[in-house]
Amino acid sequence: MNGLDVKRALFERMIPFNHKLAPLFIRDSLYSIIPEGTEHIFVMGIGSNVINGDSLGPFVGTLLQNLYPKHLTVVGNLLSPLDAQALVPRVSRITLPKNSFVIAIDSVLGSKRFVNSIVVRESSLLPGSGLGKNLPPIGDCSIMGVVLDNDPTMECSIFSTNLHLIYTMATNIAKGISLAVRQYYKYPSDHPILHHC
């Protein structure tokens, strides 16, 4: 779980988590950020599979697993999450090929105006910063689901975060990434956009 800071990124878009066009907004945002000549995209699904409010990243990873094996690699899913213990050892073992692009996904705490939004940002994220953990920055761009107000007294609430919120955010983010990959690499329009678990 990350803390959504106020530092401005090169590109930032805030999307209501349940907007019916959210996947298209995410696709368009990513398409404008992914550099020309990118040969492979990595999705880092950061978070836990045992804490509701922190399961967004692994949930997205599960929905995207094995969809575009030639162009998309997913690290972190509900079976094998990239949680605070696994993050550094697993990410340090990955050798990114030349012309790769990394999308980091995490749940975040943010100000009231951001809560229940999906934020796409052209910058890395700092995993665990919302819970006081000191982990290295990850990603060329980040997609963050703002699940709670950044209020220290609310920390216990991440255990009981509404699963409908997480599920809706995860499916919209996964669809948006999938549509961006499909468009960028010119897959046929009937190529499936989600792996159904």
C-alpha atoms as a PDB file:
ATOM      1  CA  MET A   1       0.000   0.000   0.000  1.00  0.00           C
ATOM      2  CA  ASN A   2       1.346   3.300  -1.149  1.00  0.00           C
ATOM      3  CA  GLY A   3       0.666   6.892  -0.052  1.00  0.00           C
ATOM      4  CA  LEU A   4      -0.497   9.225  -2.812  1.00  0.00           C
ATOM      5  CA  ASP A   5       1.769  12.236  -2.458  1.00  0.00           C
ATOM      6  CA  VAL A   6       1.111  15.678  -3.862  1.00  0.00           C
ATOM      7  CA  LYS A   7       4.179  15.771  -6.125  1.00  0.00           C
ATOM      8  CA  ARG A   8       3.081  16.409  -9.702  1.00  0.00           C
ATOM      9  CA  ALA A   9       4.026  13.908 -12.361  1.00  0.00           C
ATOM     10  CA  LEU A  10       4.694  14.595 -16.047  1.00  0.00           C
ATOM     11  CA  PHE A  11       1.243  13.186 -16.766  1.00  0.00           C
ATOM     12  CA  GLU A  12      -1.525  12.456 -14.289  1.00  0.00           C
ATOM     13  CA  ARG A  13      -5.166  11.496 -14.730  1.00  0.00           C
ATOM     14  CA  MET A  14      -7.755  10.852 -12.044  1.00  0.00           C
ATOM     15  CA  ILE A  15     -10.619   8.528 -13.037  1.00  0.00           C
ATOM     16  CA  PRO A  16     -13.675   7.642 -10.871  1.00  0.00           C
ATOM     17  CA  PHE A  17     -13.297   3.927 -10.011  1.00  0.00           C
ATOM     18  CA  ASN A  18     -16.770   2.972 -11.313  1.00  0.00           C
ATOM     19  CA  HIS A  19     -17.005   5.233 -14.385  1.00  0.00           C
ATOM     20  CA  LYS A  20     -18.397   3.161 -17.255  1.00  0.00           C
ATOM     21  CA  LEU A  21     -15.609   4.439 -19.533  1.00  0.00           C
ATOM     22  CA  ALA A  22     -12.824   3.935 -16.953  1.00  0.00           C
ATOM     23  CA  PRO A  23     -11.080   1.144 -18.955  1.00  0.00           C
ATOM     24  CA  LEU A  24     -11.010   3.379 -22.063  1.00  0.00           C
ATOM     25  CA  PHE A  25      -9.653   6.347 -20.072  1.00  0.00           C
ATOM     26  CA  ILE A  26      -6.924   4.089 -18.646  1.00  0.00           C
ATOM     27  CA  ARG A  27      -6.136   2.711 -22.120  1.00  0.00           C
ATOM     28  CA  ASP A  28      -5.861   6.209 -23.595  1.00  0.00           C
ATOM     29  CA  SER A  29      -3.690   7.414 -20.699  1.00  0.00           C
ATOM     30  CA  LEU A  30      -1.286   4.475 -21.022  1.00  0.00           C
ATOM     31  CA  TYR A  31      -1.181   4.740 -24.800  1.00  0.00           C
ATOM     32  CA  SER A  32      -0.036   8.353 -24.464  1.00  0.00           C
ATOM     33  CA  ILE A  33       2.714   7.384 -21.963  1.00  0.00           C
ATOM     34  CA  ILE A  34       4.171   4.151 -23.438  1.00  0.00           C
ATOM     35  CA  PRO A  35       7.236   5.206 -25.456  1.00  0.00           C
ATOM     36  CA  GLU A  36       7.459   4.419 -29.141  1.00  0.00           C
ATOM     37  CA  GLY A  37       9.573   1.316 -29.729  1.00  0.00           C
ATOM     38  CA  THR A  38       8.578  -0.433 -26.492  1.00  0.00           C
ATOM     39  CA  GLU A  39       9.051  -4.149 -27.110  1.00  0.00           C
ATOM     40  CA  HIS A  40       7.776  -5.565 -23.832  1.00  0.00           C
ATOM     41  CA  ILE A  41       5.537  -4.377 -20.992  1.00  0.00           C
ATOM     42  CA  PHE A  42       5.869  -5.550 -17.401  1.00  0.00           C
ATOM     43  CA  VAL A  43       3.017  -5.190 -14.909  1.00  0.00           C
ATOM     44  CA  MET A  44       4.048  -5.223 -11.255  1.00  0.00           C
ATOM     45  CA  GLY A  45       0.979  -6.074  -9.163  1.00  0.00           C
ATOM     46  CA  ILE A  46       2.096  -4.843  -5.738  1.00  0.00           C
ATOM     47  CA  GLY A  47       0.233  -5.779  -2.583  1.00  0.00           C
ATOM     48  CA  SER A  48      -1.034  -8.584  -0.380  1.00  0.00           C
ATOM     49  CA  ASN A  49      -3.468 -11.447  -0.921  1.00  0.00           C
ATOM     50  CA  VAL A  50      -4.588 -11.457   2.722  1.00  0.00           C
ATOM     51  CA  ILE A  51      -5.532  -7.783   3.277  1.00  0.00           C
ATOM     52  CA  ASN A  52      -8.628  -6.564   1.411  1.00  0.00           C
ATOM     53  CA  GLY A  53      -7.475  -2.971   0.961  1.00  0.00           C
ATOM     54  CA  ASP A  54      -4.025  -4.013  -0.226  1.00  0.00           C
ATOM     55  CA  SER A  55      -5.078  -6.710  -2.728  1.00  0.00           C
ATOM     56  CA  LEU A  56      -5.601  -4.468  -5.766  1.00  0.00           C
ATOM     57  CA  GLY A  57      -2.213  -5.084  -7.437  1.00  0.00           C
ATOM     58  CA  PRO A  58      -2.304  -8.906  -7.114  1.00  0.00           C
ATOM     59  CA  PHE A  59      -5.953  -8.940  -8.259  1.00  0.00           C
ATOM     60  CA  VAL A  60      -5.031  -7.035 -11.443  1.00  0.00           C
ATOM     61  CA  GLY A  61      -2.083  -9.417 -11.953  1.00  0.00           C
ATOM     62  CA  THR A  62      -4.394 -12.448 -11.810  1.00  0.00           C
ATOM     63  CA  LEU A  63      -6.813 -10.917 -14.326  1.00  0.00           C
ATOM     64  CA  LEU A  64      -3.961 -10.197 -16.792  1.00  0.00           C
ATOM     65  CA  GLN A  65      -1.970 -13.419 -16.333  1.00  0.00           C
ATOM     66  CA  ASN A  66      -1.012 -15.186 -19.621  1.00  0.00           C
ATOM     67  CA  LEU A  67      -3.090 -12.889 -21.869  1.00  0.00           C
ATOM     68  CA  TYR A  68      -0.302 -11.596 -24.108  1.00  0.00           C
ATOM     69  CA  PRO A  69       2.685 -13.897 -23.459  1.00  0.00           C
ATOM     70  CA  LYS A  70       4.773 -12.324 -26.248  1.00  0.00           C
ATOM     71  CA  HIS A  71       4.387  -8.733 -25.080  1.00  0.00           C
ATOM     72  CA  LEU A  72       3.212  -8.670 -21.443  1.00  0.00           C
ATOM     73  CA  THR A  73       4.802 -10.159 -18.330  1.00  0.00           C
ATOM     74  CA  VAL A  74       2.900 -10.007 -15.040  1.00  0.00           C
ATOM     75  CA  VAL A  75       4.779 -10.127 -11.737  1.00  0.00           C
ATOM     76  CA  GLY A  76       2.553 -10.373  -8.660  1.00  0.00           C
ATOM     77  CA  ASN A  77      -0.862 -12.024  -8.556  1.00  0.00           C
ATOM     78  CA  LEU A  78      -3.258 -13.470  -5.981  1.00  0.00           C
ATOM     79  CA  LEU A  79      -1.402 -16.805  -5.956  1.00  0.00           C
ATOM     80  CA  SER A  80       2.056 -15.262  -5.658  1.00  0.00           C
ATOM     81  CA  PRO A  81       1.722 -11.635  -4.479  1.00  0.00           C
ATOM     82  CA  LEU A  82       4.407  -8.957  -4.539  1.00  0.00           C
ATOM     83  CA  ASP A  83       3.950  -8.057  -0.870  1.00  0.00           C
ATOM     84  CA  ALA A  84       6.398  -6.205   1.386  1.00  0.00           C
ATOM     85  CA  GLN A  85       8.456  -9.372   2.062  1.00  0.00           C
ATOM     86  CA  ALA A  86       8.584 -10.633  -1.545  1.00  0.00           C
ATOM     87  CA  LEU A  87       8.918  -7.328  -3.391  1.00  0.00           C
ATOM     88  CA  VAL A  88      12.657  -6.588  -3.185  1.00  0.00           C
ATOM     89  CA  PRO A  89      13.951 -10.184  -3.633  1.00  0.00           C
ATOM     90  CA  ARG A  90      11.638 -10.896  -6.584  1.00  0.00           C
ATOM     91  CA  VAL A  91      12.048  -7.592  -8.393  1.00  0.00           C
ATOM     92  CA  SER A  92      15.851  -7.672  -7.977  1.00  0.00           C
ATOM     93  CA  ARG A  93      15.929 -11.047  -9.798  1.00  0.00           C
ATOM     94  CA  ILE A  94      14.189  -9.624 -12.876  1.00  0.00           C
ATOM     95  CA  THR A  95      16.385  -8.530 -15.757  1.00  0.00           C
ATOM     96  CA  LEU A  96      14.414  -6.077 -17.840  1.00  0.00           C
ATOM     97  CA  PRO A  97      15.132  -6.419 -21.561  1.00  0.00           C
ATOM     98  CA  LYS A  98      16.038  -3.304 -23.521  1.00  0.00           C
ATOM     99  CA  ASN A  99      12.992  -1.264 -24.585  1.00  0.00           C
ATOM    100  CA  SER A 100      10.831  -2.516 -21.702  1.00  0.00           C
ATOM    101  CA  PHE A 101       8.163  -0.456 -19.976  1.00  0.00           C
ATOM    102  CA  VAL A 102       7.067  -1.114 -16.390  1.00  0.00           C
ATOM    103  CA  ILE A 103       3.565  -0.364 -15.060  1.00  0.00           C
ATOM    104  CA  ALA A 104       3.371  -0.541 -11.260  1.00  0.00           C
ATOM    105  CA  ILE A 105      -0.039  -1.079  -9.648  1.00  0.00           C
ATOM    106  CA  ASP A 106      -0.847  -0.579  -5.973  1.00  0.00           C
ATOM    107  CA  SER A 107      -3.569   0.441  -3.544  1.00  0.00           C
ATOM    108  CA  VAL A 108      -2.949   3.846  -2.023  1.00  0.00           C
ATOM    109  CA  LEU A 109      -4.085   6.157   0.737  1.00  0.00           C
ATOM    110  CA  GLY A 110      -4.891   9.665  -0.480  1.00  0.00           C
ATOM    111  CA  SER A 111      -6.671  12.897   0.303  1.00  0.00           C
ATOM    112  CA  LYS A 112     -10.482  12.823   0.477  1.00  0.00           C
ATOM    113  CA  ARG A 113     -10.845  14.257  -3.052  1.00  0.00           C
ATOM    114  CA  PHE A 114      -8.900  11.281  -4.484  1.00  0.00           C
ATOM    115  CA  VAL A 115     -10.642   8.484  -2.524  1.00  0.00           C
ATOM    116  CA  ASN A 116     -12.489   5.987  -4.781  1.00  0.00           C
ATOM    117  CA  SER A 117     -10.443   7.123  -7.793  1.00  0.00           C
ATOM    118  CA  ILE A 118      -7.953   5.421 -10.064  1.00  0.00           C
ATOM    119  CA  VAL A 119      -4.904   7.604 -10.689  1.00  0.00           C
ATOM    120  CA  VAL A 120      -2.682   6.996 -13.732  1.00  0.00           C
ATOM    121  CA  ARG A 121       0.644   8.750 -13.389  1.00  0.00           C
ATOM    122  CA  GLU A 122       3.778   9.005 -15.499  1.00  0.00           C
ATOM    123  CA  SER A 123       6.118   8.308 -12.591  1.00  0.00           C
ATOM    124  CA  SER A 124       7.146   5.447 -10.344  1.00  0.00           C
ATOM    125  CA  LEU A 125       5.431   4.692  -7.045  1.00  0.00           C
ATOM    126  CA  LEU A 126       6.846   4.055  -3.587  1.00  0.00           C
ATOM    127  CA  PRO A 127       5.320   0.794  -2.339  1.00  0.00           C
ATOM    128  CA  GLY A 128       4.495   0.643   1.352  1.00  0.00           C
ATOM    129  CA  SER A 129       4.987   4.372   1.940  1.00  0.00           C
ATOM    130  CA  GLY A 130       1.389   4.723   3.126  1.00  0.00           C
ATOM    131  CA  LEU A 131       2.177   2.254   5.915  1.00  0.00           C
ATOM    132  CA  GLY A 132       5.597   3.708   6.773  1.00  0.00           C
ATOM    133  CA  LYS A 133       7.671   1.111   4.892  1.00  0.00           C
ATOM    134  CA  ASN A 134      10.850   2.115   3.082  1.00  0.00           C
ATOM    135  CA  LEU A 135      10.920   0.244  -0.243  1.00  0.00           C
ATOM    136  CA  PRO A 136      12.535   1.231  -3.557  1.00  0.00           C
ATOM    137  CA  PRO A 137      10.516   3.092  -6.232  1.00  0.00           C
ATOM    138  CA  ILE A 138       8.986   0.890  -8.936  1.00  0.00           C
ATOM    139  CA  GLY A 139       7.681   1.539 -12.434  1.00  0.00           C
ATOM    140  CA  ASP A 140       8.004   3.863 -15.396  1.00  0.00           C
ATOM    141  CA  CYS A 141       4.374   4.700 -14.755  1.00  0.00           C
ATOM    142  CA  SER A 142       1.950   3.830 -12.003  1.00  0.00           C
ATOM    143  CA  ILE A 143      -1.736   3.045 -11.668  1.00  0.00           C
ATOM    144  CA  MET A 144      -3.006   3.592  -8.164  1.00  0.00           C
ATOM    145  CA  GLY A 145      -6.368   2.775  -6.665  1.00  0.00           C
ATOM    146  CA  VAL A 146      -7.100   5.278  -3.899  1.00  0.00           C
ATOM    147  CA  VAL A 147      -9.015   3.103  -1.452  1.00  0.00           C
ATOM    148  CA  LEU A 148      -8.875   5.131   1.786  1.00  0.00           C
ATOM    149  CA  ASP A 149      -8.334   8.593   3.182  1.00  0.00           C
ATOM    150  CA  ASN A 150      -4.708   9.177   4.235  1.00  0.00           C
ATOM    151  CA  ASP A 151      -5.558   9.312   7.922  1.00  0.00           C
ATOM    152  CA  PRO A 152      -3.288   7.460  10.394  1.00  0.00           C
ATOM    153  CA  THR A 153      -6.297   6.526  12.540  1.00  0.00           C
ATOM    154  CA  MET A 154      -7.764   4.646   9.556  1.00  0.00           C
ATOM    155  CA  GLU A 155      -4.873   2.171   9.190  1.00  0.00           C
ATOM    156  CA  CYS A 156      -6.953  -0.773  10.485  1.00  0.00           C
ATOM    157  CA  SER A 157      -9.587  -0.033   7.842  1.00  0.00           C
ATOM    158  CA  ILE A 158      -7.434  -1.564   5.103  1.00  0.00           C
ATOM    159  CA  PHE A 159      -8.338  -4.982   6.539  1.00  0.00           C
ATOM    160  CA  SER A 160     -12.039  -4.350   6.017  1.00  0.00           C
ATOM    161  CA  THR A 161     -12.008  -2.314   2.800  1.00  0.00           C
ATOM    162  CA  ASN A 162     -15.098  -2.903   0.659  1.00  0.00           C
ATOM    163  CA  LEU A 163     -14.314  -5.778  -1.744  1.00  0.00           C
ATOM    164  CA  HIS A 164     -16.739  -4.390  -4.328  1.00  0.00           C
ATOM    165  CA  LEU A 165     -14.507  -1.301  -4.558  1.00  0.00           C
ATOM    166  CA  ILE A 166     -11.365  -3.443  -4.973  1.00  0.00           C
ATOM    167  CA  TYR A 167     -13.026  -5.782  -7.494  1.00  0.00           C
ATOM    168  CA  THR A 168     -14.387  -2.900  -9.609  1.00  0.00           C
ATOM    169  CA  MET A 169     -11.065  -1.030  -9.551  1.00  0.00           C
ATOM    170  CA  ALA A 170      -9.121  -4.206 -10.406  1.00  0.00           C
ATOM    171  CA  THR A 171     -11.318  -5.181 -13.348  1.00  0.00           C
ATOM    172  CA  ASN A 172     -11.333  -1.643 -14.776  1.00  0.00           C
ATOM    173  CA  ILE A 173      -7.528  -1.323 -14.421  1.00  0.00           C
ATOM    174  CA  ALA A 174      -6.923  -4.786 -15.914  1.00  0.00           C
ATOM    175  CA  LYS A 175      -9.266  -4.041 -18.845  1.00  0.00           C
ATOM    176  CA  GLY A 176      -7.560  -0.678 -19.423  1.00  0.00           C
ATOM    177  CA  ILE A 177      -4.058  -2.209 -19.464  1.00  0.00           C
ATOM    178  CA  SER A 178      -5.242  -5.064 -21.666  1.00  0.00           C
ATOM    179  CA  LEU A 179      -6.847  -2.676 -24.165  1.00  0.00           C
ATOM    180  CA  ALA A 180      -3.647  -0.579 -24.255  1.00  0.00           C
ATOM    181  CA  VAL A 181      -1.485  -3.672 -24.914  1.00  0.00           C
ATOM    182  CA  ARG A 182      -3.932  -4.938 -27.528  1.00  0.00           C
ATOM    183  CA  GLN A 183      -3.932  -1.594 -29.339  1.00  0.00           C
ATOM    184  CA  TYR A 184      -0.187  -0.916 -28.988  1.00  0.00           C
ATOM    185  CA  TYR A 185       0.854  -4.317 -30.358  1.00  0.00           C
ATOM    186  CA  LYS A 186      -2.014  -4.484 -32.887  1.00  0.00           C
ATOM    187  CA  TYR A 187      -3.690  -7.652 -31.644  1.00  0.00           C
ATOM    188  CA  PRO A 188      -7.029  -8.485 -33.319  1.00  0.00           C
ATOM    189  CA  SER A 189     -10.017  -6.714 -31.770  1.00  0.00           C
ATOM    190  CA  ASP A 190     -11.536 -10.046 -30.690  1.00  0.00           C
ATOM    191  CA  HIS A 191      -8.476 -10.977 -28.594  1.00  0.00           C
ATOM    192  CA  PRO A 192      -9.730 -11.575 -25.002  1.00  0.00           C
ATOM    193  CA  ILE A 193      -9.038  -8.690 -22.634  1.00  0.00           C
ATOM    194  CA  LEU A 194      -9.270 -10.505 -19.279  1.00  0.00           C
ATOM    195  CA  HIS A 195      -8.192 -13.847 -17.880  1.00  0.00           C
ATOM    196  CA  HIS A 196     -11.207 -15.111 -15.943  1.00  0.00           C
ATOM    197  CA  CYS A 197     -10.197 -16.765 -12.703  1.00  0.00           C
END
